[in-house]
Amino acid sequence: MRVVVAPNALKGSLTAFEAASAIARGLGAADSTTEIVSLAIADGGDGMSAVLRAARGGVTRETIVPDPLGRPVRASFGLLDEGRTAVLDVATASGIALLQAHEREPLLVSSRGTGKLLSAALDTGVDTVILGVGGSATVDGGAGLLAALGVGLLDEAGTPIGSGGASLARLSRIDLSRVHPALARVKLRIACDVDSPLLGPHGAALMFGPQKGATPDAALELEDNLAHFADVIEQTTGRDVRNLASGGAAGGIAAGVFGVLGATLESGIDLVLETLDFDRALIGADLVITGEGFLDRQSLRNKGPCGVGRWAKRRGVPVIALVGGIADDVRASDFPDFDGIFSICRRPMSLAEAIERSAELLESAAHSVLHTWLRARRP
């Protein structure tokens, strides 16, 4: 047996590397002769920079930036290719994990810290920046990020608007005269963790805003403000971001940096799997095991495990997904690239217990899956 292990992080409990190690331990306990290829993955969300650094080597740089509420937080980015490429995550500076539950207010919080982190990366003289947009606390369309890079977001009086999604309602014009000079030559690649558009029922405000603390009324206000932002962007640069595929990633950061700065948007999971040379890892594989913390219909929007399933199916390799939980409305038929979907929780337990025991539970589930798989293969 040759098994490729390629899990995403289990948010709040295990990094992708820790998840891969737990699965590998379970497989090894089930059959010590199994060849295991471990590849931690990411889809543009939290941990993408670390995954790419592990795959291609490089160094880590740290700096202090404002978190979504403006408090100082230590954030990092990676330098690859002898300093020519910078890789960074929105989540490290503007992530929802940086806030307590009662602090989550997308009308107020800002992506400014990510802009400061990006500016620090540009200052090193890189030729390319890969920005993973996922796991954000914000729904400001990237306004805070853009302002930190020198973009003027001005009201009718020519005064800079405030922070957060609420302030977009005051935006009158965009001034690009003082933008960071490196952006004129640097290639800016945005690795998106979802394919959702900026606006509409599957967009940044209405679908993802409630997860970030938005009330129904706040989500509608954010939707209107993002639509207004899209109008001003089109008036300034001529770029239409309203129906842009993946424009809704990270609270609309993807749409903002595409529309204002001309960045390219890419599928985060495809970018990562290409970097990991995943097709080569699949050669001769009998089984792929992937996983994440929670499987729901949003997972279908090109999240990490679904990307792994899609790539594996192209080569005819079966795929099993091990997940912390499964949404009530999910059916196996919704995920045709998976040959099996299993929750690692064997009995009812609190979320706190599941998080605390996640490595143990994942290891046990992997053991059971391989044991069953091997028995089914016997004549």
Protein backbone atom coordinates (compact mmCIF):
# COMPACT_ATOMS: atom_id res chain seq x y z
CA MET A 1 0.00 0.00 0.00
CA ARG A 2 1.06 3.54 -0.80
CA VAL A 3 -1.05 6.21 0.92
CA VAL A 4 -0.79 9.94 0.34
CA VAL A 5 -1.75 11.94 3.42
CA ALA A 6 -2.81 15.51 2.55
CA PRO A 7 -4.91 17.22 5.24
CA ASN A 8 -5.76 20.85 5.75
CA ALA A 9 -5.43 22.37 9.21
CA LEU A 10 -8.17 21.57 11.70
CA LYS A 11 -8.99 25.13 12.69
CA GLY A 12 -8.51 25.81 16.36
CA SER A 13 -6.85 22.50 17.10
CA LEU A 14 -4.19 21.19 14.70
CA THR A 15 -1.96 22.69 12.04
CA ALA A 16 -1.86 20.87 8.73
CA PHE A 17 1.53 19.43 9.71
CA GLU A 18 0.20 18.16 13.03
CA ALA A 19 -2.84 16.65 11.31
CA ALA A 20 -0.66 14.88 8.75
CA SER A 21 1.52 13.46 11.53
CA ALA A 22 -1.51 12.16 13.46
CA ILE A 23 -2.93 10.46 10.37
CA ALA A 24 0.45 8.93 9.55
CA ARG A 25 0.75 7.51 13.07
CA GLY A 26 -2.65 5.86 12.75
CA LEU A 27 -1.80 4.38 9.36
CA GLY A 28 1.53 3.06 10.60
CA ALA A 29 -0.15 1.39 13.58
CA ALA A 30 -2.67 -0.30 11.29
CA ASP A 31 -0.03 -1.63 8.89
CA SER A 32 3.67 -1.00 9.35
CA THR A 33 4.41 -1.99 5.73
CA THR A 34 2.34 0.85 4.26
CA GLU A 35 4.32 3.51 2.45
CA ILE A 36 3.13 6.91 3.67
CA VAL A 37 3.67 10.18 1.81
CA SER A 38 2.78 13.13 4.07
CA LEU A 39 1.97 16.48 2.47
CA ALA A 40 0.42 19.15 4.66
CA ILE A 41 -1.80 21.39 2.52
CA ALA A 42 -3.50 24.77 2.70
CA ASP A 43 -6.03 26.50 0.48
CA GLY A 44 -5.10 30.13 0.95
CA GLY A 45 -6.23 30.30 4.56
CA ASP A 46 -4.29 30.16 7.79
CA GLY A 47 -1.01 28.28 7.40
CA MET A 48 -0.49 28.66 3.65
CA SER A 49 2.76 30.57 4.11
CA ALA A 50 4.14 27.83 6.37
CA VAL A 51 3.14 25.09 3.90
CA LEU A 52 4.87 26.86 1.01
CA ARG A 53 7.97 27.56 3.10
CA ALA A 54 8.19 23.89 4.04
CA ALA A 55 7.83 22.86 0.41
CA ARG A 56 10.34 25.28 -1.07
CA GLY A 57 12.58 26.31 1.80
CA GLY A 58 13.19 29.92 2.70
CA VAL A 59 13.33 32.16 5.71
CA THR A 60 10.79 33.75 8.03
CA ARG A 61 10.58 37.44 8.81
CA GLU A 62 8.56 38.89 11.68
CA THR A 63 7.19 42.35 12.37
CA ILE A 64 4.60 44.08 14.53
CA VAL A 65 1.35 45.10 12.81
CA PRO A 66 -2.14 46.13 13.98
CA ASP A 67 -4.63 43.31 14.50
CA PRO A 68 -8.23 43.71 13.26
CA LEU A 69 -8.99 46.03 16.17
CA GLY A 70 -5.78 48.01 15.85
CA ARG A 71 -3.86 46.34 18.69
CA PRO A 72 -0.21 45.39 18.08
CA VAL A 73 0.35 41.76 17.12
CA ARG A 74 3.44 39.90 15.94
CA ALA A 75 2.98 38.64 12.38
CA SER A 76 5.27 36.88 9.93
CA PHE A 77 5.89 36.34 6.25
CA GLY A 78 8.21 34.03 4.35
CA LEU A 79 10.87 34.75 1.76
CA LEU A 80 11.46 32.08 -0.89
CA ASP A 81 13.57 31.76 -4.02
CA GLU A 82 16.56 33.54 -2.50
CA GLY A 83 14.39 36.45 -1.45
CA ARG A 84 12.60 36.97 -4.76
CA THR A 85 9.19 35.74 -3.55
CA ALA A 86 7.29 36.66 -0.39
CA VAL A 87 4.47 34.49 0.97
CA LEU A 88 2.07 35.69 3.65
CA ASP A 89 -1.37 34.97 5.09
CA VAL A 90 -4.18 37.41 5.80
CA ALA A 91 -4.95 35.31 8.88
CA THR A 92 -1.63 36.07 10.58
CA ALA A 93 -2.43 39.80 10.79
CA SER A 94 -6.18 40.13 10.23
CA GLY A 95 -7.47 36.69 11.18
CA ILE A 96 -10.63 35.87 13.05
CA ALA A 97 -8.59 33.71 15.42
CA LEU A 98 -7.01 36.91 16.77
CA LEU A 99 -10.34 38.04 18.24
CA GLN A 100 -12.46 36.83 21.12
CA ALA A 101 -16.03 35.92 20.21
CA HIS A 102 -17.41 39.16 21.64
CA GLU A 103 -14.91 41.21 19.62
CA ARG A 104 -16.06 39.98 16.24
CA GLU A 105 -17.71 42.96 14.56
CA PRO A 106 -17.11 43.14 10.80
CA LEU A 107 -18.64 46.60 10.56
CA LEU A 108 -15.69 47.89 12.59
CA VAL A 109 -12.66 45.61 12.21
CA SER A 110 -10.03 46.31 9.57
CA SER A 111 -7.60 44.51 7.27
CA ARG A 112 -5.00 47.26 7.81
CA GLY A 113 -2.58 44.89 9.54
CA THR A 114 -2.33 42.75 6.42
CA GLY A 115 -1.49 45.84 4.41
CA LYS A 116 1.28 46.71 6.88
CA LEU A 117 2.62 43.15 6.61
CA LEU A 118 2.48 43.30 2.82
CA SER A 119 4.28 46.64 2.87
CA ALA A 120 7.06 45.12 4.98
CA ALA A 121 7.40 42.30 2.46
CA LEU A 122 7.55 44.78 -0.45
CA ASP A 123 10.28 46.71 1.34
CA THR A 124 12.59 43.66 1.11
CA GLY A 125 12.77 44.06 -2.68
CA VAL A 126 10.82 40.96 -3.76
CA ASP A 127 9.61 40.44 -7.34
CA THR A 128 6.50 38.42 -6.44
CA VAL A 129 4.11 38.34 -3.50
CA ILE A 130 1.76 35.43 -2.84
CA LEU A 131 -0.96 36.50 -0.43
CA GLY A 132 -3.17 33.79 1.05
CA VAL A 133 -6.62 35.25 1.64
CA GLY A 134 -8.67 33.17 4.05
CA GLY A 135 -9.55 33.06 7.71
CA SER A 136 -10.07 36.81 7.96
CA ALA A 137 -12.10 38.61 10.61
CA THR A 138 -12.96 41.39 8.20
CA VAL A 139 -15.59 42.30 5.60
CA ASP A 140 -14.05 45.60 4.47
CA GLY A 141 -13.26 44.68 0.87
CA GLY A 142 -9.57 45.05 1.66
CA ALA A 143 -10.00 48.77 2.32
CA GLY A 144 -7.74 48.70 5.36
CA LEU A 145 -5.08 46.75 3.48
CA LEU A 146 -5.19 49.21 0.58
CA ALA A 147 -4.97 52.24 2.87
CA ALA A 148 -1.87 50.78 4.53
CA LEU A 149 -0.26 50.54 1.08
CA GLY A 150 -0.84 54.22 0.41
CA VAL A 151 -4.13 54.04 -1.45
CA GLY A 152 -6.27 57.06 -0.63
CA LEU A 153 -9.86 56.06 0.19
CA LEU A 154 -11.50 59.46 0.49
CA ASP A 155 -14.93 60.87 1.32
CA GLU A 156 -16.59 63.81 -0.43
CA ALA A 157 -14.47 66.26 1.56
CA GLY A 158 -11.24 64.48 0.57
CA THR A 159 -10.78 63.04 4.06
CA PRO A 160 -9.71 59.41 4.49
CA ILE A 161 -12.61 57.19 5.52
CA GLY A 162 -12.42 55.24 8.77
CA SER A 163 -11.77 51.56 9.40
CA GLY A 164 -14.13 48.65 8.88
CA GLY A 165 -16.90 47.71 6.51
CA ALA A 166 -19.22 50.42 7.84
CA SER A 167 -16.94 53.22 6.62
CA LEU A 168 -17.18 52.12 2.99
CA ALA A 169 -20.53 53.89 2.81
CA ARG A 170 -18.65 57.22 3.01
CA LEU A 171 -16.25 56.43 0.15
CA SER A 172 -16.39 58.95 -2.68
CA ARG A 173 -13.16 58.47 -4.62
CA ILE A 174 -9.91 56.47 -4.71
CA ASP A 175 -6.54 58.24 -5.00
CA LEU A 176 -3.64 56.11 -6.29
CA SER A 177 -1.02 58.86 -6.38
CA ARG A 178 0.77 57.73 -3.21
CA VAL A 179 0.56 53.94 -3.52
CA HIS A 180 3.65 51.93 -2.46
CA PRO A 181 6.12 52.36 -5.38
CA ALA A 182 7.08 48.66 -5.47
CA LEU A 183 3.57 47.74 -6.60
CA ALA A 184 4.35 49.14 -10.03
CA ARG A 185 6.77 46.25 -10.69
CA VAL A 186 5.86 43.45 -8.24
CA LYS A 187 3.60 40.62 -9.35
CA LEU A 188 0.83 40.27 -6.76
CA ARG A 189 -0.76 36.79 -6.68
CA ILE A 190 -3.80 36.25 -4.49
CA ALA A 191 -4.39 32.66 -3.34
CA CYS A 192 -8.14 32.44 -2.66
CA ASP A 193 -9.63 29.85 -0.31
CA VAL A 194 -13.12 30.06 -1.86
CA ASP A 195 -14.58 30.77 -5.30
CA SER A 196 -17.38 32.95 -3.91
CA PRO A 197 -18.18 36.27 -5.60
CA LEU A 198 -18.02 39.59 -3.79
CA LEU A 199 -21.79 40.11 -3.70
CA GLY A 200 -24.98 38.08 -3.46
CA PRO A 201 -26.16 35.14 -1.35
CA HIS A 202 -22.81 33.35 -1.67
CA GLY A 203 -20.73 36.49 -1.23
CA ALA A 204 -18.49 38.07 1.37
CA ALA A 205 -21.23 39.72 3.43
CA LEU A 206 -24.31 37.51 3.21
CA MET A 207 -22.63 34.09 3.35
CA PHE A 208 -19.50 34.74 5.39
CA GLY A 209 -20.40 37.86 7.37
CA PRO A 210 -22.53 35.96 9.94
CA GLN A 211 -19.59 33.64 10.65
CA LYS A 212 -17.56 36.73 11.55
CA GLY A 213 -20.15 38.13 13.94
CA ALA A 214 -22.44 40.08 11.62
CA THR A 215 -26.12 40.27 12.57
CA PRO A 216 -28.66 39.93 9.72
CA ASP A 217 -29.00 43.73 9.56
CA ALA A 218 -25.22 44.18 9.63
CA ALA A 219 -24.78 41.66 6.81
CA LEU A 220 -27.22 43.63 4.65
CA GLU A 221 -25.40 46.88 5.45
CA LEU A 222 -22.08 45.29 4.52
CA GLU A 223 -23.58 44.00 1.27
CA ASP A 224 -24.69 47.51 0.32
CA ASN A 225 -21.34 48.99 1.27
CA LEU A 226 -19.37 46.43 -0.74
CA ALA A 227 -21.61 47.10 -3.74
CA HIS A 228 -20.85 50.83 -3.35
CA PHE A 229 -17.12 50.04 -3.07
CA ALA A 230 -17.37 48.02 -6.30
CA ASP A 231 -18.94 51.01 -8.06
CA VAL A 232 -16.17 53.37 -6.95
CA ILE A 233 -13.50 50.85 -7.97
CA GLU A 234 -14.97 50.56 -11.46
CA GLN A 235 -15.14 54.36 -11.78
CA THR A 236 -11.45 54.58 -10.79
CA THR A 237 -9.77 51.67 -12.58
CA GLY A 238 -12.41 50.36 -14.97
CA ARG A 239 -12.34 46.92 -13.34
CA ASP A 240 -15.69 45.27 -12.55
CA VAL A 241 -15.43 43.27 -9.32
CA ARG A 242 -19.13 42.65 -8.65
CA ASN A 243 -19.27 39.14 -10.13
CA LEU A 244 -15.58 38.34 -9.98
CA ALA A 245 -14.96 34.66 -9.21
CA SER A 246 -13.29 34.41 -5.78
CA GLY A 247 -13.77 38.15 -5.24
CA GLY A 248 -15.56 37.43 -1.96
CA ALA A 249 -12.54 35.69 -0.43
CA ALA A 250 -11.40 37.11 2.93
CA GLY A 251 -14.28 39.54 3.26
CA GLY A 252 -13.74 40.94 -0.23
CA ILE A 253 -9.98 41.48 0.08
CA ALA A 254 -9.56 39.53 -3.15
CA ALA A 255 -11.94 41.86 -5.00
CA GLY A 256 -10.31 44.96 -3.53
CA VAL A 257 -6.72 44.10 -4.44
CA PHE A 258 -7.76 42.91 -7.90
CA GLY A 259 -9.91 45.94 -8.60
CA VAL A 260 -7.58 48.61 -7.21
CA LEU A 261 -4.11 47.11 -7.68
CA GLY A 262 -4.65 44.70 -10.59
CA ALA A 263 -3.59 41.59 -8.67
CA THR A 264 -4.22 38.16 -10.15
CA LEU A 265 -6.64 35.83 -8.34
CA GLU A 266 -5.87 32.11 -8.19
CA SER A 267 -7.31 29.05 -6.53
CA GLY A 268 -5.35 28.70 -3.31
CA ILE A 269 -5.52 24.93 -3.19
CA ASP A 270 -4.44 24.57 -6.82
CA LEU A 271 -1.51 26.91 -6.26
CA VAL A 272 -0.43 24.90 -3.20
CA LEU A 273 -0.87 21.48 -4.83
CA GLU A 274 1.09 22.63 -7.85
CA THR A 275 3.89 23.87 -5.59
CA LEU A 276 3.88 20.55 -3.71
CA ASP A 277 4.05 18.65 -7.05
CA PHE A 278 0.99 16.73 -5.91
CA ASP A 279 0.57 14.94 -9.24
CA ARG A 280 3.96 13.33 -8.79
CA ALA A 281 3.07 12.25 -5.25
CA LEU A 282 -0.03 10.51 -6.62
CA ILE A 283 1.95 8.27 -8.97
CA GLY A 284 1.57 4.69 -7.69
CA ALA A 285 -0.71 5.73 -4.83
CA ASP A 286 -3.46 3.35 -3.72
CA LEU A 287 -5.31 5.80 -1.49
CA VAL A 288 -5.39 9.47 -0.50
CA ILE A 289 -6.51 10.63 2.94
CA THR A 290 -7.39 14.28 3.38
CA GLY A 291 -9.22 16.15 6.10
CA GLU A 292 -10.32 19.37 7.75
CA GLY A 293 -12.14 20.54 10.85
CA PHE A 294 -15.69 20.82 9.51
CA LEU A 295 -17.27 19.73 6.25
CA ASP A 296 -20.23 21.76 5.00
CA ARG A 297 -21.54 23.17 1.76
CA GLN A 298 -19.00 25.96 1.90
CA SER A 299 -16.35 23.26 1.57
CA LEU A 300 -17.63 22.78 -1.97
CA ARG A 301 -16.43 26.26 -2.89
CA ASN A 302 -12.94 24.91 -3.72
CA LYS A 303 -11.75 24.42 -0.14
CA GLY A 304 -8.62 22.35 0.44
CA PRO A 305 -9.95 18.78 0.78
CA CYS A 306 -12.19 19.20 -2.27
CA GLY A 307 -9.19 20.33 -4.28
CA VAL A 308 -7.26 17.27 -3.11
CA GLY A 309 -10.20 15.08 -4.12
CA ARG A 310 -10.41 16.68 -7.54
CA TRP A 311 -6.70 16.23 -8.25
CA ALA A 312 -6.68 12.62 -6.99
CA LYS A 313 -9.74 11.65 -9.03
CA ARG A 314 -8.06 12.87 -12.20
CA ARG A 315 -5.50 10.11 -11.64
CA GLY A 316 -8.08 7.56 -10.51
CA VAL A 317 -6.88 7.42 -6.90
CA PRO A 318 -9.60 6.89 -4.22
CA VAL A 319 -9.97 9.60 -1.58
CA ILE A 320 -11.14 9.40 2.04
CA ALA A 321 -11.94 12.55 4.03
CA LEU A 322 -11.54 12.57 7.81
CA VAL A 323 -13.25 15.55 9.41
CA GLY A 324 -14.03 16.85 12.86
CA GLY A 325 -17.69 17.37 12.05
CA ILE A 326 -20.16 17.11 9.18
CA ALA A 327 -22.97 19.59 8.60
CA ASP A 328 -26.50 18.19 8.88
CA ASP A 329 -27.36 19.02 5.27
CA VAL A 330 -24.28 17.36 3.76
CA ARG A 331 -24.75 14.16 1.78
CA ALA A 332 -22.05 11.95 0.32
CA SER A 333 -23.45 12.67 -3.14
CA ASP A 334 -22.53 16.34 -2.67
CA PHE A 335 -18.86 15.35 -2.74
CA PRO A 336 -18.43 12.99 -5.72
CA ASP A 337 -14.64 13.14 -5.53
CA PHE A 338 -14.67 11.52 -2.08
CA ASP A 339 -15.03 7.74 -1.76
CA GLY A 340 -15.81 8.10 1.92
CA ILE A 341 -16.42 10.85 4.48
CA PHE A 342 -15.97 10.05 8.17
CA SER A 343 -16.22 12.10 11.33
CA ILE A 344 -13.35 11.44 13.71
CA CYS A 345 -15.65 11.85 16.74
CA ARG A 346 -16.87 8.40 17.73
CA ARG A 347 -19.38 9.57 20.32
CA PRO A 348 -21.14 12.78 21.33
CA MET A 349 -18.67 15.20 22.89
CA SER A 350 -18.29 18.91 23.43
CA LEU A 351 -16.38 21.03 20.96
CA ALA A 352 -13.80 21.73 23.66
CA GLU A 353 -13.18 18.02 24.17
CA ALA A 354 -13.02 17.36 20.44
CA ILE A 355 -10.42 20.11 20.02
CA GLU A 356 -8.36 18.90 22.97
CA ARG A 357 -8.36 15.30 21.71
CA SER A 358 -8.19 16.05 17.99
CA ALA A 359 -4.79 14.45 17.37
CA GLU A 360 -5.78 11.28 19.21
CA LEU A 361 -9.15 11.13 17.42
CA LEU A 362 -7.60 11.69 14.01
CA GLU A 363 -4.99 9.01 14.62
CA SER A 364 -7.64 6.51 15.69
CA ALA A 365 -9.85 7.28 12.68
CA ALA A 366 -6.93 6.82 10.28
CA HIS A 367 -6.14 3.47 11.89
CA SER A 368 -9.74 2.32 11.44
CA VAL A 369 -9.94 3.48 7.84
CA LEU A 370 -6.78 1.70 6.74
CA HIS A 371 -7.68 -1.46 8.68
CA THR A 372 -11.07 -1.56 6.93
CA TRP A 373 -9.56 -0.71 3.56
CA LEU A 374 -7.01 -3.50 3.77
CA ARG A 375 -9.63 -6.06 4.79
CA ALA A 376 -11.82 -5.06 1.84
CA ARG A 377 -8.89 -5.59 -0.54
CA ARG A 378 -8.18 -9.14 0.61
CA PRO A 379 -9.42 -11.91 -1.69
